[in-house]
Amino acid sequence: MAGKELAVITAFGKDRTGLVAGVSRVLAENGVNIEDLSQTIMQDMFAMMILVDIGKSSRSFDELQEMLSREGGRLGLEVRIMHKDIFERMHRV
């Protein structure tokens, strides 16, 4: 994992066409690599969790956060990003 800067992205909202494409487009355009992705749809609600490497991104963490939030708004999703270590600390049992 040397050189990687891992982050977790979560996205929630009403299901519709183009949700994965919209979020992944923002990532690809900014040099963010998707390491792992999980999504589910329960009735008409969409939920996605993406593990990404932001270490080689052309943008700062704050810029990525703003861009993902803006794309989420366009798609009707709540999209959040946080560093993986912070995510793990928040979800420890």
PDB file of N, CA and C in Angstrom:
ATOM      1  N   MET A   1       0.813  -1.199   0.000  1.00  0.00           N
ATOM      2  CA  MET A   1       0.000   0.000   0.000  1.00  0.00           C
ATOM      3  C   MET A   1       0.853   1.258   0.000  1.00  0.00           C
ATOM      4  N   ALA A   2       2.147   1.132  -0.198  1.00  0.00           N
ATOM      5  CA  ALA A   2       3.017   2.292  -0.218  1.00  0.00           C
ATOM      6  C   ALA A   2       2.584   3.239  -1.330  1.00  0.00           C
ATOM      7  N   GLY A   3       2.506   4.518  -1.006  1.00  0.00           N
ATOM      8  CA  GLY A   3       2.131   5.527  -1.984  1.00  0.00           C
ATOM      9  C   GLY A   3       0.640   5.713  -2.160  1.00  0.00           C
ATOM     10  N   LYS A   4      -0.155   4.869  -1.553  1.00  0.00           N
ATOM     11  CA  LYS A   4      -1.609   5.009  -1.685  1.00  0.00           C
ATOM     12  C   LYS A   4      -2.150   5.907  -0.582  1.00  0.00           C
ATOM     13  N   GLU A   5      -3.157   6.656  -0.934  1.00  0.00           N
ATOM     14  CA  GLU A   5      -3.896   7.476   0.027  1.00  0.00           C
ATOM     15  C   GLU A   5      -5.363   7.081  -0.143  1.00  0.00           C
ATOM     16  N   LEU A   6      -5.819   6.191   0.733  1.00  0.00           N
ATOM     17  CA  LEU A   6      -7.153   5.617   0.577  1.00  0.00           C
ATOM     18  C   LEU A   6      -8.227   6.470   1.237  1.00  0.00           C
ATOM     19  N   ALA A   7      -9.368   6.520   0.573  1.00  0.00           N
ATOM     20  CA  ALA A   7     -10.527   7.242   1.084  1.00  0.00           C
ATOM     21  C   ALA A   7     -11.766   6.409   0.795  1.00  0.00           C
ATOM     22  N   VAL A   8     -12.821   6.681   1.544  1.00  0.00           N
ATOM     23  CA  VAL A   8     -14.095   6.000   1.371  1.00  0.00           C
ATOM     24  C   VAL A   8     -15.138   7.029   0.932  1.00  0.00           C
ATOM     25  N   ILE A   9     -15.841   6.690  -0.126  1.00  0.00           N
ATOM     26  CA  ILE A   9     -16.921   7.540  -0.631  1.00  0.00           C
ATOM     27  C   ILE A   9     -18.227   6.795  -0.407  1.00  0.00           C
ATOM     28  N   THR A  10     -19.218   7.476   0.146  1.00  0.00           N
ATOM     29  CA  THR A  10     -20.549   6.908   0.299  1.00  0.00           C
ATOM     30  C   THR A  10     -21.528   7.764  -0.491  1.00  0.00           C
ATOM     31  N   ALA A  11     -22.518   7.105  -1.072  1.00  0.00           N
ATOM     32  CA  ALA A  11     -23.542   7.814  -1.837  1.00  0.00           C
ATOM     33  C   ALA A  11     -24.892   7.158  -1.571  1.00  0.00           C
ATOM     34  N   PHE A  12     -25.894   7.978  -1.279  1.00  0.00           N
ATOM     35  CA  PHE A  12     -27.244   7.495  -0.971  1.00  0.00           C
ATOM     36  C   PHE A  12     -28.267   8.381  -1.659  1.00  0.00           C
ATOM     37  N   GLY A  13     -29.333   7.759  -2.145  1.00  0.00           N
ATOM     38  CA  GLY A  13     -30.411   8.541  -2.733  1.00  0.00           C
ATOM     39  C   GLY A  13     -31.396   7.655  -3.475  1.00  0.00           C
ATOM     40  N   LYS A  14     -32.324   8.306  -4.136  1.00  0.00           N
ATOM     41  CA  LYS A  14     -33.341   7.595  -4.919  1.00  0.00           C
ATOM     42  C   LYS A  14     -32.682   7.035  -6.172  1.00  0.00           C
ATOM     43  N   ASP A  15     -32.957   5.764  -6.464  1.00  0.00           N
ATOM     44  CA  ASP A  15     -32.341   5.103  -7.612  1.00  0.00           C
ATOM     45  C   ASP A  15     -32.822   5.697  -8.926  1.00  0.00           C
ATOM     46  N   ARG A  16     -31.879   5.830  -9.847  1.00  0.00           N
ATOM     47  CA  ARG A  16     -32.192   6.213 -11.219  1.00  0.00           C
ATOM     48  C   ARG A  16     -30.978   5.907 -12.084  1.00  0.00           C
ATOM     49  N   THR A  17     -31.148   5.932 -13.367  1.00  0.00           N
ATOM     50  CA  THR A  17     -30.071   5.650 -14.316  1.00  0.00           C
ATOM     51  C   THR A  17     -28.967   6.699 -14.207  1.00  0.00           C
ATOM     52  N   GLY A  18     -27.707   6.247 -14.264  1.00  0.00           N
ATOM     53  CA  GLY A  18     -26.574   7.161 -14.352  1.00  0.00           C
ATOM     54  C   GLY A  18     -25.881   7.514 -13.054  1.00  0.00           C
ATOM     55  N   LEU A  19     -26.323   6.957 -11.933  1.00  0.00           N
ATOM     56  CA  LEU A  19     -25.725   7.329 -10.649  1.00  0.00           C
ATOM     57  C   LEU A  19     -24.258   6.896 -10.544  1.00  0.00           C
ATOM     58  N   VAL A  20     -23.987   5.629 -10.834  1.00  0.00           N
ATOM     59  CA  VAL A  20     -22.603   5.130 -10.767  1.00  0.00           C
ATOM     60  C   VAL A  20     -21.749   5.863 -11.795  1.00  0.00           C
ATOM     61  N   ALA A  21     -22.277   6.045 -12.983  1.00  0.00           N
ATOM     62  CA  ALA A  21     -21.535   6.725 -14.052  1.00  0.00           C
ATOM     63  C   ALA A  21     -21.171   8.157 -13.666  1.00  0.00           C
ATOM     64  N   GLY A  22     -22.105   8.867 -13.050  1.00  0.00           N
ATOM     65  CA  GLY A  22     -21.837  10.259 -12.673  1.00  0.00           C
ATOM     66  C   GLY A  22     -20.738  10.384 -11.634  1.00  0.00           C
ATOM     67  N   VAL A  23     -20.801   9.558 -10.604  1.00  0.00           N
ATOM     68  CA  VAL A  23     -19.786   9.616  -9.542  1.00  0.00           C
ATOM     69  C   VAL A  23     -18.439   9.143 -10.085  1.00  0.00           C
ATOM     70  N   SER A  24     -18.434   8.033 -10.827  1.00  0.00           N
ATOM     71  CA  SER A  24     -17.164   7.506 -11.327  1.00  0.00           C
ATOM     72  C   SER A  24     -16.535   8.428 -12.366  1.00  0.00           C
ATOM     73  N   ARG A  25     -17.343   9.178 -13.104  1.00  0.00           N
ATOM     74  CA  ARG A  25     -16.805  10.157 -14.062  1.00  0.00           C
ATOM     75  C   ARG A  25     -15.994  11.227 -13.345  1.00  0.00           C
ATOM     76  N   VAL A  26     -16.526  11.747 -12.246  1.00  0.00           N
ATOM     77  CA  VAL A  26     -15.806  12.755 -11.463  1.00  0.00           C
ATOM     78  C   VAL A  26     -14.475  12.193 -10.983  1.00  0.00           C
ATOM     79  N   LEU A  27     -14.488  10.950 -10.520  1.00  0.00           N
ATOM     80  CA  LEU A  27     -13.256  10.322 -10.041  1.00  0.00           C
ATOM     81  C   LEU A  27     -12.248  10.170 -11.170  1.00  0.00           C
ATOM     82  N   ALA A  28     -12.675   9.629 -12.297  1.00  0.00           N
ATOM     83  CA  ALA A  28     -11.773   9.401 -13.433  1.00  0.00           C
ATOM     84  C   ALA A  28     -11.175  10.703 -13.950  1.00  0.00           C
ATOM     85  N   GLU A  29     -11.988  11.737 -14.048  1.00  0.00           N
ATOM     86  CA  GLU A  29     -11.511  13.023 -14.567  1.00  0.00           C
ATOM     87  C   GLU A  29     -10.463  13.668 -13.665  1.00  0.00           C
ATOM     88  N   ASN A  30     -10.384  13.219 -12.414  1.00  0.00           N
ATOM     89  CA  ASN A  30      -9.472  13.834 -11.459  1.00  0.00           C
ATOM     90  C   ASN A  30      -8.390  12.880 -10.958  1.00  0.00           C
ATOM     91  N   GLY A  31      -8.153  11.804 -11.696  1.00  0.00           N
ATOM     92  CA  GLY A  31      -7.052  10.902 -11.400  1.00  0.00           C
ATOM     93  C   GLY A  31      -7.229  10.048 -10.159  1.00  0.00           C
ATOM     94  N   VAL A  32      -8.481   9.781  -9.786  1.00  0.00           N
ATOM     95  CA  VAL A  32      -8.775   8.959  -8.605  1.00  0.00           C
ATOM     96  C   VAL A  32      -9.061   7.538  -9.080  1.00  0.00           C
ATOM     97  N   ASN A  33      -8.349   6.567  -8.491  1.00  0.00           N
ATOM     98  CA  ASN A  33      -8.530   5.168  -8.870  1.00  0.00           C
ATOM     99  C   ASN A  33      -9.518   4.481  -7.929  1.00  0.00           C
ATOM    100  N   ILE A  34     -10.471   3.762  -8.505  1.00  0.00           N
ATOM    101  CA  ILE A  34     -11.409   2.969  -7.710  1.00  0.00           C
ATOM    102  C   ILE A  34     -10.737   1.647  -7.357  1.00  0.00           C
ATOM    103  N   GLU A  35     -10.598   1.386  -6.068  1.00  0.00           N
ATOM    104  CA  GLU A  35      -9.988   0.149  -5.571  1.00  0.00           C
ATOM    105  C   GLU A  35     -11.048  -0.930  -5.360  1.00  0.00           C
ATOM    106  N   ASP A  36     -12.215  -0.534  -4.891  1.00  0.00           N
ATOM    107  CA  ASP A  36     -13.304  -1.480  -4.624  1.00  0.00           C
ATOM    108  C   ASP A  36     -14.608  -0.698  -4.620  1.00  0.00           C
ATOM    109  N   LEU A  37     -15.699  -1.362  -4.999  1.00  0.00           N
ATOM    110  CA  LEU A  37     -16.992  -0.698  -5.073  1.00  0.00           C
ATOM    111  C   LEU A  37     -18.082  -1.697  -4.705  1.00  0.00           C
ATOM    112  N   SER A  38     -19.020  -1.240  -3.904  1.00  0.00           N
ATOM    113  CA  SER A  38     -20.177  -2.054  -3.555  1.00  0.00           C
ATOM    114  C   SER A  38     -21.412  -1.170  -3.664  1.00  0.00           C
ATOM    115  N   GLN A  39     -22.448  -1.717  -4.245  1.00  0.00           N
ATOM    116  CA  GLN A  39     -23.700  -0.962  -4.342  1.00  0.00           C
ATOM    117  C   GLN A  39     -24.869  -1.893  -4.108  1.00  0.00           C
ATOM    118  N   THR A  40     -25.950  -1.303  -3.670  1.00  0.00           N
ATOM    119  CA  THR A  40     -27.179  -2.073  -3.491  1.00  0.00           C
ATOM    120  C   THR A  40     -28.369  -1.163  -3.751  1.00  0.00           C
ATOM    121  N   ILE A  41     -29.455  -1.788  -4.110  1.00  0.00           N
ATOM    122  CA  ILE A  41     -30.704  -1.056  -4.309  1.00  0.00           C
ATOM    123  C   ILE A  41     -31.767  -1.784  -3.494  1.00  0.00           C
ATOM    124  N   MET A  42     -32.401  -1.051  -2.599  1.00  0.00           N
ATOM    125  CA  MET A  42     -33.486  -1.599  -1.785  1.00  0.00           C
ATOM    126  C   MET A  42     -34.738  -0.835  -2.166  1.00  0.00           C
ATOM    127  N   GLN A  43     -35.647  -1.538  -2.852  1.00  0.00           N
ATOM    128  CA  GLN A  43     -36.836  -0.933  -3.451  1.00  0.00           C
ATOM    129  C   GLN A  43     -36.359   0.187  -4.370  1.00  0.00           C
ATOM    130  N   ASP A  44     -36.590   1.442  -4.057  1.00  0.00           N
ATOM    131  CA  ASP A  44     -36.142   2.503  -4.965  1.00  0.00           C
ATOM    132  C   ASP A  44     -35.008   3.336  -4.377  1.00  0.00           C
ATOM    133  N   MET A  45     -34.361   2.829  -3.322  1.00  0.00           N
ATOM    134  CA  MET A  45     -33.252   3.560  -2.689  1.00  0.00           C
ATOM    135  C   MET A  45     -31.913   2.954  -3.103  1.00  0.00           C
ATOM    136  N   PHE A  46     -30.994   3.806  -3.504  1.00  0.00           N
ATOM    137  CA  PHE A  46     -29.667   3.413  -3.978  1.00  0.00           C
ATOM    138  C   PHE A  46     -28.647   3.727  -2.897  1.00  0.00           C
ATOM    139  N   ALA A  47     -27.727   2.797  -2.652  1.00  0.00           N
ATOM    140  CA  ALA A  47     -26.626   3.015  -1.714  1.00  0.00           C
ATOM    141  C   ALA A  47     -25.354   2.456  -2.336  1.00  0.00           C
ATOM    142  N   MET A  48     -24.271   3.231  -2.230  1.00  0.00           N
ATOM    143  CA  MET A  48     -22.995   2.810  -2.801  1.00  0.00           C
ATOM    144  C   MET A  48     -21.870   3.204  -1.853  1.00  0.00           C
ATOM    145  N   MET A  49     -20.875   2.324  -1.760  1.00  0.00           N
ATOM    146  CA  MET A  49     -19.661   2.602  -1.004  1.00  0.00           C
ATOM    147  C   MET A  49     -18.491   2.294  -1.928  1.00  0.00           C
ATOM    148  N   ILE A  50     -17.565   3.240  -2.041  1.00  0.00           N
ATOM    149  CA  ILE A  50     -16.425   3.089  -2.941  1.00  0.00           C
ATOM    150  C   ILE A  50     -15.142   3.329  -2.152  1.00  0.00           C
ATOM    151  N   LEU A  51     -14.196   2.405  -2.269  1.00  0.00           N
ATOM    152  CA  LEU A  51     -12.861   2.595  -1.716  1.00  0.00           C
ATOM    153  C   LEU A  51     -12.001   3.124  -2.857  1.00  0.00           C
ATOM    154  N   VAL A  52     -11.374   4.274  -2.664  1.00  0.00           N
ATOM    155  CA  VAL A  52     -10.605   4.916  -3.730  1.00  0.00           C
ATOM    156  C   VAL A  52      -9.198   5.266  -3.253  1.00  0.00           C
ATOM    157  N   ASP A  53      -8.295   5.374  -4.221  1.00  0.00           N
ATOM    158  CA  ASP A  53      -6.943   5.857  -3.974  1.00  0.00           C
ATOM    159  C   ASP A  53      -6.870   7.270  -4.532  1.00  0.00           C
ATOM    160  N   ILE A  54      -6.731   8.257  -3.644  1.00  0.00           N
ATOM    161  CA  ILE A  54      -6.671   9.658  -4.069  1.00  0.00           C
ATOM    162  C   ILE A  54      -5.229  10.167  -4.123  1.00  0.00           C
ATOM    163  N   GLY A  55      -4.269   9.278  -3.906  1.00  0.00           N
ATOM    164  CA  GLY A  55      -2.859   9.656  -3.828  1.00  0.00           C
ATOM    165  C   GLY A  55      -2.302  10.305  -5.080  1.00  0.00           C
ATOM    166  N   LYS A  56      -2.834   9.959  -6.245  1.00  0.00           N
ATOM    167  CA  LYS A  56      -2.327  10.519  -7.504  1.00  0.00           C
ATOM    168  C   LYS A  56      -3.319  11.486  -8.139  1.00  0.00           C
ATOM    169  N   SER A  57      -4.285  11.910  -7.366  1.00  0.00           N
ATOM    170  CA  SER A  57      -5.298  12.816  -7.897  1.00  0.00           C
ATOM    171  C   SER A  57      -4.691  14.173  -8.238  1.00  0.00           C
ATOM    172  N   SER A  58      -5.252  14.782  -9.248  1.00  0.00           N
ATOM    173  CA  SER A  58      -4.841  16.130  -9.647  1.00  0.00           C
ATOM    174  C   SER A  58      -5.482  17.195  -8.761  1.00  0.00           C
ATOM    175  N   ARG A  59      -6.335  16.784  -7.837  1.00  0.00           N
ATOM    176  CA  ARG A  59      -7.068  17.715  -6.965  1.00  0.00           C
ATOM    177  C   ARG A  59      -6.758  17.457  -5.500  1.00  0.00           C
ATOM    178  N   SER A  60      -6.975  18.462  -4.681  1.00  0.00           N
ATOM    179  CA  SER A  60      -6.839  18.302  -3.229  1.00  0.00           C
ATOM    180  C   SER A  60      -8.065  17.552  -2.700  1.00  0.00           C
ATOM    181  N   PHE A  61      -7.958  17.059  -1.475  1.00  0.00           N
ATOM    182  CA  PHE A  61      -9.078  16.370  -0.839  1.00  0.00           C
ATOM    183  C   PHE A  61     -10.301  17.281  -0.792  1.00  0.00           C
ATOM    184  N   ASP A  62     -10.110  18.531  -0.390  1.00  0.00           N
ATOM    185  CA  ASP A  62     -11.233  19.474  -0.301  1.00  0.00           C
ATOM    186  C   ASP A  62     -11.875  19.734  -1.665  1.00  0.00           C
ATOM    187  N   GLU A  63     -11.055  19.827  -2.703  1.00  0.00           N
ATOM    188  CA  GLU A  63     -11.604  20.019  -4.050  1.00  0.00           C
ATOM    189  C   GLU A  63     -12.421  18.802  -4.481  1.00  0.00           C
ATOM    190  N   LEU A  64     -11.900  17.602  -4.211  1.00  0.00           N
ATOM    191  CA  LEU A  64     -12.646  16.384  -4.542  1.00  0.00           C
ATOM    192  C   LEU A  64     -13.975  16.340  -3.801  1.00  0.00           C
ATOM    193  N   GLN A  65     -13.928  16.699  -2.525  1.00  0.00           N
ATOM    194  CA  GLN A  65     -15.139  16.707  -1.711  1.00  0.00           C
ATOM    195  C   GLN A  65     -16.185  17.644  -2.322  1.00  0.00           C
ATOM    196  N   GLU A  66     -15.755  18.823  -2.733  1.00  0.00           N
ATOM    197  CA  GLU A  66     -16.679  19.794  -3.333  1.00  0.00           C
ATOM    198  C   GLU A  66     -17.232  19.291  -4.665  1.00  0.00           C
ATOM    199  N   MET A  67     -16.375  18.726  -5.493  1.00  0.00           N
ATOM    200  CA  MET A  67     -16.814  18.228  -6.801  1.00  0.00           C
ATOM    201  C   MET A  67     -17.795  17.064  -6.657  1.00  0.00           C
ATOM    202  N   LEU A  68     -17.520  16.156  -5.733  1.00  0.00           N
ATOM    203  CA  LEU A  68     -18.422  15.025  -5.501  1.00  0.00           C
ATOM    204  C   LEU A  68     -19.755  15.491  -4.928  1.00  0.00           C
ATOM    205  N   SER A  69     -19.712  16.462  -4.050  1.00  0.00           N
ATOM    206  CA  SER A  69     -20.938  17.011  -3.476  1.00  0.00           C
ATOM    207  C   SER A  69     -21.782  17.681  -4.562  1.00  0.00           C
ATOM    208  N   ARG A  70     -21.132  18.429  -5.431  1.00  0.00           N
ATOM    209  CA  ARG A  70     -21.836  19.107  -6.524  1.00  0.00           C
ATOM    210  C   ARG A  70     -22.462  18.083  -7.482  1.00  0.00           C
ATOM    211  N   GLU A  71     -21.697  17.039  -7.834  1.00  0.00           N
ATOM    212  CA  GLU A  71     -22.242  15.998  -8.718  1.00  0.00           C
ATOM    213  C   GLU A  71     -23.380  15.253  -8.023  1.00  0.00           C
ATOM    214  N   GLY A  72     -23.233  15.001  -6.733  1.00  0.00           N
ATOM    215  CA  GLY A  72     -24.298  14.370  -5.973  1.00  0.00           C
ATOM    216  C   GLY A  72     -25.575  15.189  -6.027  1.00  0.00           C
ATOM    217  N   GLY A  73     -25.443  16.494  -5.859  1.00  0.00           N
ATOM    218  CA  GLY A  73     -26.610  17.371  -5.954  1.00  0.00           C
ATOM    219  C   GLY A  73     -27.280  17.288  -7.307  1.00  0.00           C
ATOM    220  N   ARG A  74     -26.486  17.231  -8.353  1.00  0.00           N
ATOM    221  CA  ARG A  74     -27.020  17.118  -9.714  1.00  0.00           C
ATOM    222  C   ARG A  74     -27.763  15.792  -9.899  1.00  0.00           C
ATOM    223  N   LEU A  75     -27.245  14.738  -9.239  1.00  0.00           N
ATOM    224  CA  LEU A  75     -27.829  13.403  -9.388  1.00  0.00           C
ATOM    225  C   LEU A  75     -28.920  13.094  -8.362  1.00  0.00           C
ATOM    226  N   GLY A  76     -29.103  13.962  -7.388  1.00  0.00           N
ATOM    227  CA  GLY A  76     -30.065  13.689  -6.325  1.00  0.00           C
ATOM    228  C   GLY A  76     -29.526  12.726  -5.279  1.00  0.00           C
ATOM    229  N   LEU A  77     -28.205  12.716  -5.102  1.00  0.00           N
ATOM    230  CA  LEU A  77     -27.550  11.842  -4.131  1.00  0.00           C
ATOM    231  C   LEU A  77     -26.878  12.649  -3.036  1.00  0.00           C
ATOM    232  N   GLU A  78     -26.776  12.055  -1.873  1.00  0.00           N
ATOM    233  CA  GLU A  78     -25.911  12.595  -0.831  1.00  0.00           C
ATOM    234  C   GLU A  78     -24.593  11.845  -0.958  1.00  0.00           C
ATOM    235  N   VAL A  79     -23.533  12.557  -1.326  1.00  0.00           N
ATOM    236  CA  VAL A  79     -22.224  11.942  -1.550  1.00  0.00           C
ATOM    237  C   VAL A  79     -21.240  12.531  -0.556  1.00  0.00           C
ATOM    238  N   ARG A  80     -20.527  11.648   0.142  1.00  0.00           N
ATOM    239  CA  ARG A  80     -19.513  12.077   1.120  1.00  0.00           C
ATOM    240  C   ARG A  80     -18.224  11.313   0.891  1.00  0.00           C
ATOM    241  N   ILE A  81     -17.111  11.950   1.221  1.00  0.00           N
ATOM    242  CA  ILE A  81     -15.812  11.307   1.143  1.00  0.00           C
ATOM    243  C   ILE A  81     -15.076  11.557   2.453  1.00  0.00           C
ATOM    244  N   MET A  82     -14.377  10.533   2.921  1.00  0.00           N
ATOM    245  CA  MET A  82     -13.525  10.710   4.103  1.00  0.00           C
ATOM    246  C   MET A  82     -12.327   9.779   3.992  1.00  0.00           C
ATOM    247  N   HIS A  83     -11.241  10.191   4.630  1.00  0.00           N
ATOM    248  CA  HIS A  83     -10.054   9.344   4.632  1.00  0.00           C
ATOM    249  C   HIS A  83     -10.393   8.005   5.278  1.00  0.00           C
ATOM    250  N   LYS A  84      -9.821   6.933   4.743  1.00  0.00           N
ATOM    251  CA  LYS A  84     -10.145   5.575   5.191  1.00  0.00           C
ATOM    252  C   LYS A  84      -9.870   5.385   6.679  1.00  0.00           C
ATOM    253  N   ASP A  85      -8.774   5.928   7.192  1.00  0.00           N
ATOM    254  CA  ASP A  85      -8.466   5.747   8.615  1.00  0.00           C
ATOM    255  C   ASP A  85      -9.506   6.410   9.510  1.00  0.00           C
ATOM    256  N   ILE A  86     -10.025   7.541   9.100  1.00  0.00           N
ATOM    257  CA  ILE A  86     -11.078   8.218   9.867  1.00  0.00           C
ATOM    258  C   ILE A  86     -12.366   7.405   9.799  1.00  0.00           C
ATOM    259  N   PHE A  87     -12.694   6.913   8.616  1.00  0.00           N
ATOM    260  CA  PHE A  87     -13.882   6.078   8.443  1.00  0.00           C
ATOM    261  C   PHE A  87     -13.812   4.857   9.365  1.00  0.00           C
ATOM    262  N   GLU A  88     -12.657   4.198   9.391  1.00  0.00           N
ATOM    263  CA  GLU A  88     -12.503   3.004  10.230  1.00  0.00           C
ATOM    264  C   GLU A  88     -12.635   3.332  11.708  1.00  0.00           C
ATOM    265  N   ARG A  89     -12.075   4.452  12.138  1.00  0.00           N
ATOM    266  CA  ARG A  89     -12.197   4.857  13.552  1.00  0.00           C
ATOM    267  C   ARG A  89     -13.648   5.151  13.921  1.00  0.00           C
ATOM    268  N   MET A  90     -14.374   5.761  13.011  1.00  0.00           N
ATOM    269  CA  MET A  90     -15.777   6.106  13.295  1.00  0.00           C
ATOM    270  C   MET A  90     -16.659   4.864  13.382  1.00  0.00           C
ATOM    271  N   HIS A  91     -16.279   3.784  12.699  1.00  0.00           N
ATOM    272  CA  HIS A  91     -17.138   2.606  12.618  1.00  0.00           C
ATOM    273  C   HIS A  91     -16.591   1.409  13.369  1.00  0.00           C
ATOM    274  N   ARG A  92     -15.701   1.659  14.307  1.00  0.00           N
ATOM    275  CA  ARG A  92     -15.193   0.578  15.163  1.00  0.00           C
ATOM    276  C   ARG A  92     -16.217   0.197  16.186  1.00  0.00           C
ATOM    277  N   VAL A  93     -16.359  -1.094  16.414  1.00  0.00           N
ATOM    278  CA  VAL A  93     -17.337  -1.581  17.407  1.00  0.00           C
ATOM    279  C   VAL A  93     -16.638  -1.843  18.711  1.00  0.00           C
TER     280      VAL A  93
END
